[in-house]
């Protein structure tokens, strides 16, 4: 009887551990990049127009002309959003694990030339834990979720991102998302006093 009880508790404990391990998912971030800038520009212009009219209506909520203009602005925004969604590339960047991240950073050390440039400019080289010329695209390629195989191998992704179609701001947006997925914490404070008081 004693042996049976011990085995039962052991199984229950193991089952709980297995569930906890499966429950934790890697951090991920999603970025949408427009295939052509005009779609993004039209969407941003339409959104600003809606926001502007909403602000004006706070002071003149019964103004029929403003209400009609806002309705038109919303139609424009809906159309622009649909066009943007149909002409975007979706990038999902998922954390690769802290050991893989540290190894990747080690694989892309700061070059001697870059160190010399920073030191000559009076900067602190310690602020650069990895090579800023190669690590960003390497991290994007390593973190990119490509279940359908649309982007190819990591080397092919890096070559693609280094192509003329991509500007610095777009690469920066992808790198920031990949960096946040790998380095930002997903910890929730649920202790006493952490929740606001309902009044």
Foldseek 3Di string as FASTA:
>chain_A
DVVVVVVVVVVVVVVVVVVVVVVDFFFKDKDKDFLDVVLVVQLVVLVVQLVVLVVVCVVVVPPPVSVVSNVVSVVSNVVSVVVRVVGIDMWMFTAPDPVVLVVLQVVFAADPVVVVVQVVVVHDPVVDSGHPVPSLLLLLLSRTDDPPCPQPHSVSSSVVCPDPSHDPVVSVVSSVRSCCSHPPDDDDDPDPPSDDDDD
